[in-house]
Amino acid sequence: MKKDEKIKHVKLKWMIICAVVLVFIGVSMILLGMFLPPIGEIHPSVLTALGEVFTFSGSLWGLNTHYRIKTDQMDADMDIKNNTDDE
């Protein structure tokens, strides 16, 4: 069981790292789009790319949170059932 928990922890860690890197890249693109000529004008492709990066990162966090909650609920239900079966 410890090995499974360690694998889950590593996967979660890499998902968060990936999401943070993607957000950083998206913010970098928006800043580059503002400071490269013509200054102050953000090209629509930069905005589209940024939106996609933010959507992907948010999806990773949202899905991870959703399924972590579901898994925790299932574990709690199984613990309750096992405790009632033991009695």
PDB file of N, CA and C in Angstrom:
ATOM      1  N   MET A   1       0.821  -1.193   0.000  1.00  0.00           N
ATOM      2  CA  MET A   1       0.000   0.000   0.000  1.00  0.00           C
ATOM      3  C   MET A   1       0.867   1.260   0.000  1.00  0.00           C
ATOM      4  N   LYS A   2       2.006   1.217   0.671  1.00  0.00           N
ATOM      5  CA  LYS A   2       2.872   2.391   0.708  1.00  0.00           C
ATOM      6  C   LYS A   2       3.415   2.725  -0.673  1.00  0.00           C
ATOM      7  N   LYS A   3       3.694   1.701  -1.470  1.00  0.00           N
ATOM      8  CA  LYS A   3       4.227   1.936  -2.805  1.00  0.00           C
ATOM      9  C   LYS A   3       3.190   2.661  -3.663  1.00  0.00           C
ATOM     10  N   ASP A   4       1.919   2.265  -3.547  1.00  0.00           N
ATOM     11  CA  ASP A   4       0.850   2.923  -4.293  1.00  0.00           C
ATOM     12  C   ASP A   4       0.714   4.386  -3.882  1.00  0.00           C
ATOM     13  N   GLU A   5       0.804   4.637  -2.591  1.00  0.00           N
ATOM     14  CA  GLU A   5       0.701   6.014  -2.109  1.00  0.00           C
ATOM     15  C   GLU A   5       1.873   6.849  -2.612  1.00  0.00           C
ATOM     16  N   LYS A   6       3.048   6.258  -2.650  1.00  0.00           N
ATOM     17  CA  LYS A   6       4.219   6.976  -3.137  1.00  0.00           C
ATOM     18  C   LYS A   6       4.072   7.305  -4.620  1.00  0.00           C
ATOM     19  N   ILE A   7       3.554   6.351  -5.394  1.00  0.00           N
ATOM     20  CA  ILE A   7       3.342   6.581  -6.822  1.00  0.00           C
ATOM     21  C   ILE A   7       2.318   7.694  -7.027  1.00  0.00           C
ATOM     22  N   LYS A   8       1.226   7.676  -6.249  1.00  0.00           N
ATOM     23  CA  LYS A   8       0.223   8.731  -6.351  1.00  0.00           C
ATOM     24  C   LYS A   8       0.828  10.091  -6.016  1.00  0.00           C
ATOM     25  N   HIS A   9       1.660  10.109  -4.996  1.00  0.00           N
ATOM     26  CA  HIS A   9       2.293  11.362  -4.584  1.00  0.00           C
ATOM     27  C   HIS A   9       3.211  11.902  -5.685  1.00  0.00           C
ATOM     28  N   VAL A  10       3.962  11.016  -6.310  1.00  0.00           N
ATOM     29  CA  VAL A  10       4.864  11.427  -7.391  1.00  0.00           C
ATOM     30  C   VAL A  10       4.063  11.944  -8.587  1.00  0.00           C
ATOM     31  N   LYS A  11       2.975  11.248  -8.938  1.00  0.00           N
ATOM     32  CA  LYS A  11       2.139  11.697 -10.049  1.00  0.00           C
ATOM     33  C   LYS A  11       1.531  13.060  -9.756  1.00  0.00           C
ATOM     34  N   LEU A  12       1.031  13.240  -8.548  1.00  0.00           N
ATOM     35  CA  LEU A  12       0.453  14.526  -8.159  1.00  0.00           C
ATOM     36  C   LEU A  12       1.499  15.626  -8.231  1.00  0.00           C
ATOM     37  N   LYS A  13       2.695  15.315  -7.758  1.00  0.00           N
ATOM     38  CA  LYS A  13       3.781  16.298  -7.776  1.00  0.00           C
ATOM     39  C   LYS A  13       4.090  16.723  -9.210  1.00  0.00           C
ATOM     40  N   TRP A  14       4.180  15.764 -10.120  1.00  0.00           N
ATOM     41  CA  TRP A  14       4.487  16.098 -11.515  1.00  0.00           C
ATOM     42  C   TRP A  14       3.345  16.840 -12.195  1.00  0.00           C
ATOM     43  N   MET A  15       2.106  16.513 -11.843  1.00  0.00           N
ATOM     44  CA  MET A  15       0.974  17.249 -12.410  1.00  0.00           C
ATOM     45  C   MET A  15       1.010  18.710 -11.987  1.00  0.00           C
ATOM     46  N   ILE A  16       1.298  18.954 -10.737  1.00  0.00           N
ATOM     47  CA  ILE A  16       1.356  20.330 -10.249  1.00  0.00           C
ATOM     48  C   ILE A  16       2.536  21.065 -10.872  1.00  0.00           C
ATOM     49  N   ILE A  17       3.682  20.398 -10.977  1.00  0.00           N
ATOM     50  CA  ILE A  17       4.843  21.025 -11.612  1.00  0.00           C
ATOM     51  C   ILE A  17       4.524  21.377 -13.056  1.00  0.00           C
ATOM     52  N   CYS A  18       3.892  20.458 -13.763  1.00  0.00           N
ATOM     53  CA  CYS A  18       3.530  20.701 -15.166  1.00  0.00           C
ATOM     54  C   CYS A  18       2.569  21.887 -15.277  1.00  0.00           C
ATOM     55  N   ALA A  19       1.582  21.934 -14.411  1.00  0.00           N
ATOM     56  CA  ALA A  19       0.615  23.029 -14.446  1.00  0.00           C
ATOM     57  C   ALA A  19       1.291  24.362 -14.155  1.00  0.00           C
ATOM     58  N   VAL A  20       2.176  24.392 -13.178  1.00  0.00           N
ATOM     59  CA  VAL A  20       2.869  25.637 -12.831  1.00  0.00           C
ATOM     60  C   VAL A  20       3.765  26.087 -13.978  1.00  0.00           C
ATOM     61  N   VAL A  21       4.470  25.155 -14.591  1.00  0.00           N
ATOM     62  CA  VAL A  21       5.330  25.501 -15.730  1.00  0.00           C
ATOM     63  C   VAL A  21       4.494  26.064 -16.870  1.00  0.00           C
ATOM     64  N   LEU A  22       3.356  25.442 -17.135  1.00  0.00           N
ATOM     65  CA  LEU A  22       2.492  25.925 -18.206  1.00  0.00           C
ATOM     66  C   LEU A  22       1.956  27.323 -17.913  1.00  0.00           C
ATOM     67  N   VAL A  23       1.588  27.567 -16.693  1.00  0.00           N
ATOM     68  CA  VAL A  23       1.127  28.908 -16.327  1.00  0.00           C
ATOM     69  C   VAL A  23       2.267  29.906 -16.495  1.00  0.00           C
ATOM     70  N   PHE A  24       3.459  29.538 -16.067  1.00  0.00           N
ATOM     71  CA  PHE A  24       4.617  30.422 -16.218  1.00  0.00           C
ATOM     72  C   PHE A  24       4.879  30.736 -17.686  1.00  0.00           C
ATOM     73  N   ILE A  25       4.800  29.728 -18.536  1.00  0.00           N
ATOM     74  CA  ILE A  25       4.999  29.952 -19.967  1.00  0.00           C
ATOM     75  C   ILE A  25       3.920  30.877 -20.516  1.00  0.00           C
ATOM     76  N   GLY A  26       2.687  30.656 -20.106  1.00  0.00           N
ATOM     77  CA  GLY A  26       1.601  31.507 -20.566  1.00  0.00           C
ATOM     78  C   GLY A  26       1.775  32.953 -20.146  1.00  0.00           C
ATOM     79  N   VAL A  27       2.179  33.164 -18.903  1.00  0.00           N
ATOM     80  CA  VAL A  27       2.413  34.529 -18.423  1.00  0.00           C
ATOM     81  C   VAL A  27       3.604  35.142 -19.148  1.00  0.00           C
ATOM     82  N   SER A  28       4.627  34.349 -19.397  1.00  0.00           N
ATOM     83  CA  SER A  28       5.781  34.851 -20.154  1.00  0.00           C
ATOM     84  C   SER A  28       5.368  35.274 -21.553  1.00  0.00           C
ATOM     85  N   MET A  29       4.513  34.490 -22.190  1.00  0.00           N
ATOM     86  CA  MET A  29       4.048  34.844 -23.529  1.00  0.00           C
ATOM     87  C   MET A  29       3.265  36.147 -23.528  1.00  0.00           C
ATOM     88  N   ILE A  30       2.425  36.323 -22.530  1.00  0.00           N
ATOM     89  CA  ILE A  30       1.636  37.549 -22.483  1.00  0.00           C
ATOM     90  C   ILE A  30       2.536  38.755 -22.238  1.00  0.00           C
ATOM     91  N   LEU A  31       3.551  38.585 -21.409  1.00  0.00           N
ATOM     92  CA  LEU A  31       4.489  39.693 -21.164  1.00  0.00           C
ATOM     93  C   LEU A  31       5.308  39.999 -22.414  1.00  0.00           C
ATOM     94  N   LEU A  32       5.768  38.966 -23.098  1.00  0.00           N
ATOM     95  CA  LEU A  32       6.499  39.177 -24.344  1.00  0.00           C
ATOM     96  C   LEU A  32       5.617  39.853 -25.388  1.00  0.00           C
ATOM     97  N   GLY A  33       4.361  39.452 -25.428  1.00  0.00           N
ATOM     98  CA  GLY A  33       3.438  40.059 -26.366  1.00  0.00           C
ATOM     99  C   GLY A  33       3.202  41.533 -26.088  1.00  0.00           C
ATOM    100  N   MET A  34       3.365  41.924 -24.839  1.00  0.00           N
ATOM    101  CA  MET A  34       3.165  43.331 -24.495  1.00  0.00           C
ATOM    102  C   MET A  34       4.420  44.166 -24.747  1.00  0.00           C
ATOM    103  N   PHE A  35       5.592  43.578 -24.607  1.00  0.00           N
ATOM    104  CA  PHE A  35       6.826  44.364 -24.677  1.00  0.00           C
ATOM    105  C   PHE A  35       7.554  44.287 -26.011  1.00  0.00           C
ATOM    106  N   LEU A  36       7.176  43.360 -26.876  1.00  0.00           N
ATOM    107  CA  LEU A  36       7.761  43.311 -28.205  1.00  0.00           C
ATOM    108  C   LEU A  36       6.981  44.259 -29.122  1.00  0.00           C
ATOM    109  N   PRO A  37       7.651  44.764 -30.153  1.00  0.00           N
ATOM    110  CA  PRO A  37       6.955  45.718 -31.035  1.00  0.00           C
ATOM    111  C   PRO A  37       5.711  45.090 -31.658  1.00  0.00           C
ATOM    112  N   PRO A  38       4.676  45.792 -31.852  1.00  0.00           N
ATOM    113  CA  PRO A  38       4.367  47.125 -31.340  1.00  0.00           C
ATOM    114  C   PRO A  38       4.034  47.067 -29.849  1.00  0.00           C
ATOM    115  N   ILE A  39       4.671  47.909 -29.081  1.00  0.00           N
ATOM    116  CA  ILE A  39       4.555  47.905 -27.617  1.00  0.00           C
ATOM    117  C   ILE A  39       3.117  48.213 -27.197  1.00  0.00           C
ATOM    118  N   GLY A  40       2.632  47.427 -26.265  1.00  0.00           N
ATOM    119  CA  GLY A  40       1.309  47.650 -25.716  1.00  0.00           C
ATOM    120  C   GLY A  40       0.194  46.926 -26.454  1.00  0.00           C
ATOM    121  N   GLU A  41       0.450  46.397 -27.632  1.00  0.00           N
ATOM    122  CA  GLU A  41      -0.575  45.676 -28.391  1.00  0.00           C
ATOM    123  C   GLU A  41      -0.332  44.185 -28.239  1.00  0.00           C
ATOM    124  N   ILE A  42      -1.334  43.497 -27.768  1.00  0.00           N
ATOM    125  CA  ILE A  42      -1.214  42.058 -27.562  1.00  0.00           C
ATOM    126  C   ILE A  42      -1.827  41.352 -28.769  1.00  0.00           C
ATOM    127  N   HIS A  43      -1.041  40.571 -29.455  1.00  0.00           N
ATOM    128  CA  HIS A  43      -1.515  39.862 -30.647  1.00  0.00           C
ATOM    129  C   HIS A  43      -2.562  38.819 -30.239  1.00  0.00           C
ATOM    130  N   PRO A  44      -3.613  38.672 -31.021  1.00  0.00           N
ATOM    131  CA  PRO A  44      -4.666  37.704 -30.685  1.00  0.00           C
ATOM    132  C   PRO A  44      -4.165  36.267 -30.512  1.00  0.00           C
ATOM    133  N   SER A  45      -3.120  35.889 -31.239  1.00  0.00           N
ATOM    134  CA  SER A  45      -2.606  34.517 -31.077  1.00  0.00           C
ATOM    135  C   SER A  45      -2.008  34.314 -29.694  1.00  0.00           C
ATOM    136  N   VAL A  46      -1.408  35.379 -29.137  1.00  0.00           N
ATOM    137  CA  VAL A  46      -0.858  35.285 -27.776  1.00  0.00           C
ATOM    138  C   VAL A  46      -1.985  35.101 -26.781  1.00  0.00           C
ATOM    139  N   LEU A  47      -3.056  35.831 -26.960  1.00  0.00           N
ATOM    140  CA  LEU A  47      -4.198  35.705 -26.055  1.00  0.00           C
ATOM    141  C   LEU A  47      -4.840  34.321 -26.155  1.00  0.00           C
ATOM    142  N   THR A  48      -4.928  33.801 -27.361  1.00  0.00           N
ATOM    143  CA  THR A  48      -5.490  32.459 -27.552  1.00  0.00           C
ATOM    144  C   THR A  48      -4.615  31.405 -26.882  1.00  0.00           C
ATOM    145  N   ALA A  49      -3.325  31.504 -27.093  1.00  0.00           N
ATOM    146  CA  ALA A  49      -2.403  30.541 -26.480  1.00  0.00           C
ATOM    147  C   ALA A  49      -2.465  30.627 -24.964  1.00  0.00           C
ATOM    148  N   LEU A  50      -2.514  31.831 -24.438  1.00  0.00           N
ATOM    149  CA  LEU A  50      -2.591  32.012 -22.989  1.00  0.00           C
ATOM    150  C   LEU A  50      -3.870  31.400 -22.437  1.00  0.00           C
ATOM    151  N   GLY A  51      -4.970  31.622 -23.122  1.00  0.00           N
ATOM    152  CA  GLY A  51      -6.228  31.026 -22.682  1.00  0.00           C
ATOM    153  C   GLY A  51      -6.175  29.512 -22.666  1.00  0.00           C
ATOM    154  N   GLU A  52      -5.557  28.943 -23.666  1.00  0.00           N
ATOM    155  CA  GLU A  52      -5.441  27.480 -23.714  1.00  0.00           C
ATOM    156  C   GLU A  52      -4.562  26.957 -22.585  1.00  0.00           C
ATOM    157  N   VAL A  53      -3.478  27.660 -22.302  1.00  0.00           N
ATOM    158  CA  VAL A  53      -2.584  27.238 -21.217  1.00  0.00           C
ATOM    159  C   VAL A  53      -3.304  27.307 -19.883  1.00  0.00           C
ATOM    160  N   PHE A  54      -4.002  28.397 -19.634  1.00  0.00           N
ATOM    161  CA  PHE A  54      -4.726  28.523 -18.371  1.00  0.00           C
ATOM    162  C   PHE A  54      -5.827  27.474 -18.254  1.00  0.00           C
ATOM    163  N   THR A  55      -6.513  27.204 -19.350  1.00  0.00           N
ATOM    164  CA  THR A  55      -7.576  26.198 -19.327  1.00  0.00           C
ATOM    165  C   THR A  55      -6.999  24.820 -19.022  1.00  0.00           C
ATOM    166  N   PHE A  56      -5.897  24.478 -19.648  1.00  0.00           N
ATOM    167  CA  PHE A  56      -5.272  23.177 -19.407  1.00  0.00           C
ATOM    168  C   PHE A  56      -4.814  23.047 -17.959  1.00  0.00           C
ATOM    169  N   SER A  57      -4.163  24.091 -17.457  1.00  0.00           N
ATOM    170  CA  SER A  57      -3.674  24.047 -16.079  1.00  0.00           C
ATOM    171  C   SER A  57      -4.826  23.945 -15.093  1.00  0.00           C
ATOM    172  N   GLY A  58      -5.861  24.721 -15.331  1.00  0.00           N
ATOM    173  CA  GLY A  58      -7.030  24.653 -14.453  1.00  0.00           C
ATOM    174  C   GLY A  58      -7.694  23.300 -14.503  1.00  0.00           C
ATOM    175  N   SER A  59      -7.714  22.696 -15.675  1.00  0.00           N
ATOM    176  CA  SER A  59      -8.305  21.359 -15.819  1.00  0.00           C
ATOM    177  C   SER A  59      -7.530  20.340 -15.001  1.00  0.00           C
ATOM    178  N   LEU A  60      -6.208  20.416 -15.065  1.00  0.00           N
ATOM    179  CA  LEU A  60      -5.394  19.473 -14.282  1.00  0.00           C
ATOM    180  C   LEU A  60      -5.704  19.592 -12.796  1.00  0.00           C
ATOM    181  N   TRP A  61      -5.720  20.814 -12.304  1.00  0.00           N
ATOM    182  CA  TRP A  61      -5.998  21.005 -10.878  1.00  0.00           C
ATOM    183  C   TRP A  61      -7.420  20.611 -10.526  1.00  0.00           C
ATOM    184  N   GLY A  62      -8.365  20.976 -11.374  1.00  0.00           N
ATOM    185  CA  GLY A  62      -9.759  20.658 -11.095  1.00  0.00           C
ATOM    186  C   GLY A  62     -10.032  19.165 -11.096  1.00  0.00           C
ATOM    187  N   LEU A  63      -9.537  18.474 -12.103  1.00  0.00           N
ATOM    188  CA  LEU A  63      -9.743  17.027 -12.172  1.00  0.00           C
ATOM    189  C   LEU A  63      -9.051  16.313 -11.021  1.00  0.00           C
ATOM    190  N   ASN A  64      -7.856  16.749 -10.708  1.00  0.00           N
ATOM    191  CA  ASN A  64      -7.125  16.131  -9.604  1.00  0.00           C
ATOM    192  C   ASN A  64      -7.896  16.296  -8.303  1.00  0.00           C
ATOM    193  N   THR A  65      -8.378  17.493  -8.056  1.00  0.00           N
ATOM    194  CA  THR A  65      -9.124  17.754  -6.823  1.00  0.00           C
ATOM    195  C   THR A  65     -10.409  16.933  -6.792  1.00  0.00           C
ATOM    196  N   HIS A  66     -11.124  16.893  -7.892  1.00  0.00           N
ATOM    197  CA  HIS A  66     -12.384  16.152  -7.959  1.00  0.00           C
ATOM    198  C   HIS A  66     -12.165  14.675  -7.628  1.00  0.00           C
ATOM    199  N   TYR A  67     -11.196  14.063  -8.280  1.00  0.00           N
ATOM    200  CA  TYR A  67     -10.987  12.637  -8.075  1.00  0.00           C
ATOM    201  C   TYR A  67     -10.323  12.335  -6.737  1.00  0.00           C
ATOM    202  N   ARG A  68      -9.552  13.257  -6.205  1.00  0.00           N
ATOM    203  CA  ARG A  68      -8.993  13.050  -4.865  1.00  0.00           C
ATOM    204  C   ARG A  68     -10.121  13.028  -3.840  1.00  0.00           C
ATOM    205  N   ILE A  69     -11.089  13.927  -3.986  1.00  0.00           N
ATOM    206  CA  ILE A  69     -12.227  13.958  -3.065  1.00  0.00           C
ATOM    207  C   ILE A  69     -13.037  12.672  -3.197  1.00  0.00           C
ATOM    208  N   LYS A  70     -13.292  12.244  -4.425  1.00  0.00           N
ATOM    209  CA  LYS A  70     -14.044  10.997  -4.644  1.00  0.00           C
ATOM    210  C   LYS A  70     -13.319   9.804  -4.030  1.00  0.00           C
ATOM    211  N   THR A  71     -12.010   9.744  -4.218  1.00  0.00           N
ATOM    212  CA  THR A  71     -11.230   8.638  -3.667  1.00  0.00           C
ATOM    213  C   THR A  71     -11.261   8.657  -2.144  1.00  0.00           C
ATOM    214  N   ASP A  72     -11.124   9.838  -1.561  1.00  0.00           N
ATOM    215  CA  ASP A  72     -11.179   9.944  -0.098  1.00  0.00           C
ATOM    216  C   ASP A  72     -12.542   9.525   0.432  1.00  0.00           C
ATOM    217  N   GLN A  73     -13.613   9.884  -0.275  1.00  0.00           N
ATOM    218  CA  GLN A  73     -14.958   9.470   0.143  1.00  0.00           C
ATOM    219  C   GLN A  73     -15.103   7.955   0.062  1.00  0.00           C
ATOM    220  N   MET A  74     -14.588   7.361  -1.013  1.00  0.00           N
ATOM    221  CA  MET A  74     -14.663   5.903  -1.147  1.00  0.00           C
ATOM    222  C   MET A  74     -13.883   5.214  -0.049  1.00  0.00           C
ATOM    223  N   ASP A  75     -12.694   5.731   0.268  1.00  0.00           N
ATOM    224  CA  ASP A  75     -11.886   5.143   1.335  1.00  0.00           C
ATOM    225  C   ASP A  75     -12.607   5.237   2.675  1.00  0.00           C
ATOM    226  N   ALA A  76     -13.227   6.381   2.926  1.00  0.00           N
ATOM    227  CA  ALA A  76     -13.959   6.558   4.185  1.00  0.00           C
ATOM    228  C   ALA A  76     -15.146   5.602   4.255  1.00  0.00           C
ATOM    229  N   ASP A  77     -15.867   5.447   3.141  1.00  0.00           N
ATOM    230  CA  ASP A  77     -16.996   4.516   3.110  1.00  0.00           C
ATOM    231  C   ASP A  77     -16.533   3.076   3.329  1.00  0.00           C
ATOM    232  N   MET A  78     -15.415   2.717   2.745  1.00  0.00           N
ATOM    233  CA  MET A  78     -14.898   1.361   2.907  1.00  0.00           C
ATOM    234  C   MET A  78     -14.451   1.127   4.352  1.00  0.00           C
ATOM    235  N   ASP A  79     -13.849   2.128   4.966  1.00  0.00           N
ATOM    236  CA  ASP A  79     -13.438   2.003   6.367  1.00  0.00           C
ATOM    237  C   ASP A  79     -14.651   1.816   7.268  1.00  0.00           C
ATOM    238  N   ILE A  80     -15.714   2.569   6.998  1.00  0.00           N
ATOM    239  CA  ILE A  80     -16.934   2.443   7.801  1.00  0.00           C
ATOM    240  C   ILE A  80     -17.527   1.050   7.628  1.00  0.00           C
ATOM    241  N   LYS A  81     -17.566   0.579   6.372  1.00  0.00           N
ATOM    242  CA  LYS A  81     -18.119  -0.748   6.110  1.00  0.00           C
ATOM    243  C   LYS A  81     -17.274  -1.828   6.764  1.00  0.00           C
ATOM    244  N   ASN A  82     -15.964  -1.700   6.704  1.00  0.00           N
ATOM    245  CA  ASN A  82     -15.082  -2.693   7.318  1.00  0.00           C
ATOM    246  C   ASN A  82     -15.223  -2.680   8.833  1.00  0.00           C
ATOM    247  N   ASN A  83     -15.398  -1.523   9.417  1.00  0.00           N
ATOM    248  CA  ASN A  83     -15.569  -1.446  10.872  1.00  0.00           C
ATOM    249  C   ASN A  83     -16.895  -2.073  11.301  1.00  0.00           C
ATOM    250  N   THR A  84     -17.949  -1.898  10.528  1.00  0.00           N
ATOM    251  CA  THR A  84     -19.230  -2.499  10.890  1.00  0.00           C
ATOM    252  C   THR A  84     -19.207  -4.001  10.659  1.00  0.00           C
ATOM    253  N   ASP A  85     -18.450  -4.476   9.661  1.00  0.00           N
ATOM    254  CA  ASP A  85     -18.329  -5.910   9.416  1.00  0.00           C
ATOM    255  C   ASP A  85     -17.551  -6.613  10.513  1.00  0.00           C
ATOM    256  N   ASP A  86     -16.569  -5.907  11.088  1.00  0.00           N
ATOM    257  CA  ASP A  86     -15.750  -6.495  12.148  1.00  0.00           C
ATOM    258  C   ASP A  86     -16.540  -6.701  13.426  1.00  0.00           C
ATOM    259  N   GLU A  87     -17.517  -5.869  13.643  1.00  0.00           N
ATOM    260  CA  GLU A  87     -18.300  -5.967  14.889  1.00  0.00           C
ATOM    261  C   GLU A  87     -19.311  -7.040  14.759  1.00  0.00           C
TER     262      GLU A  87
END
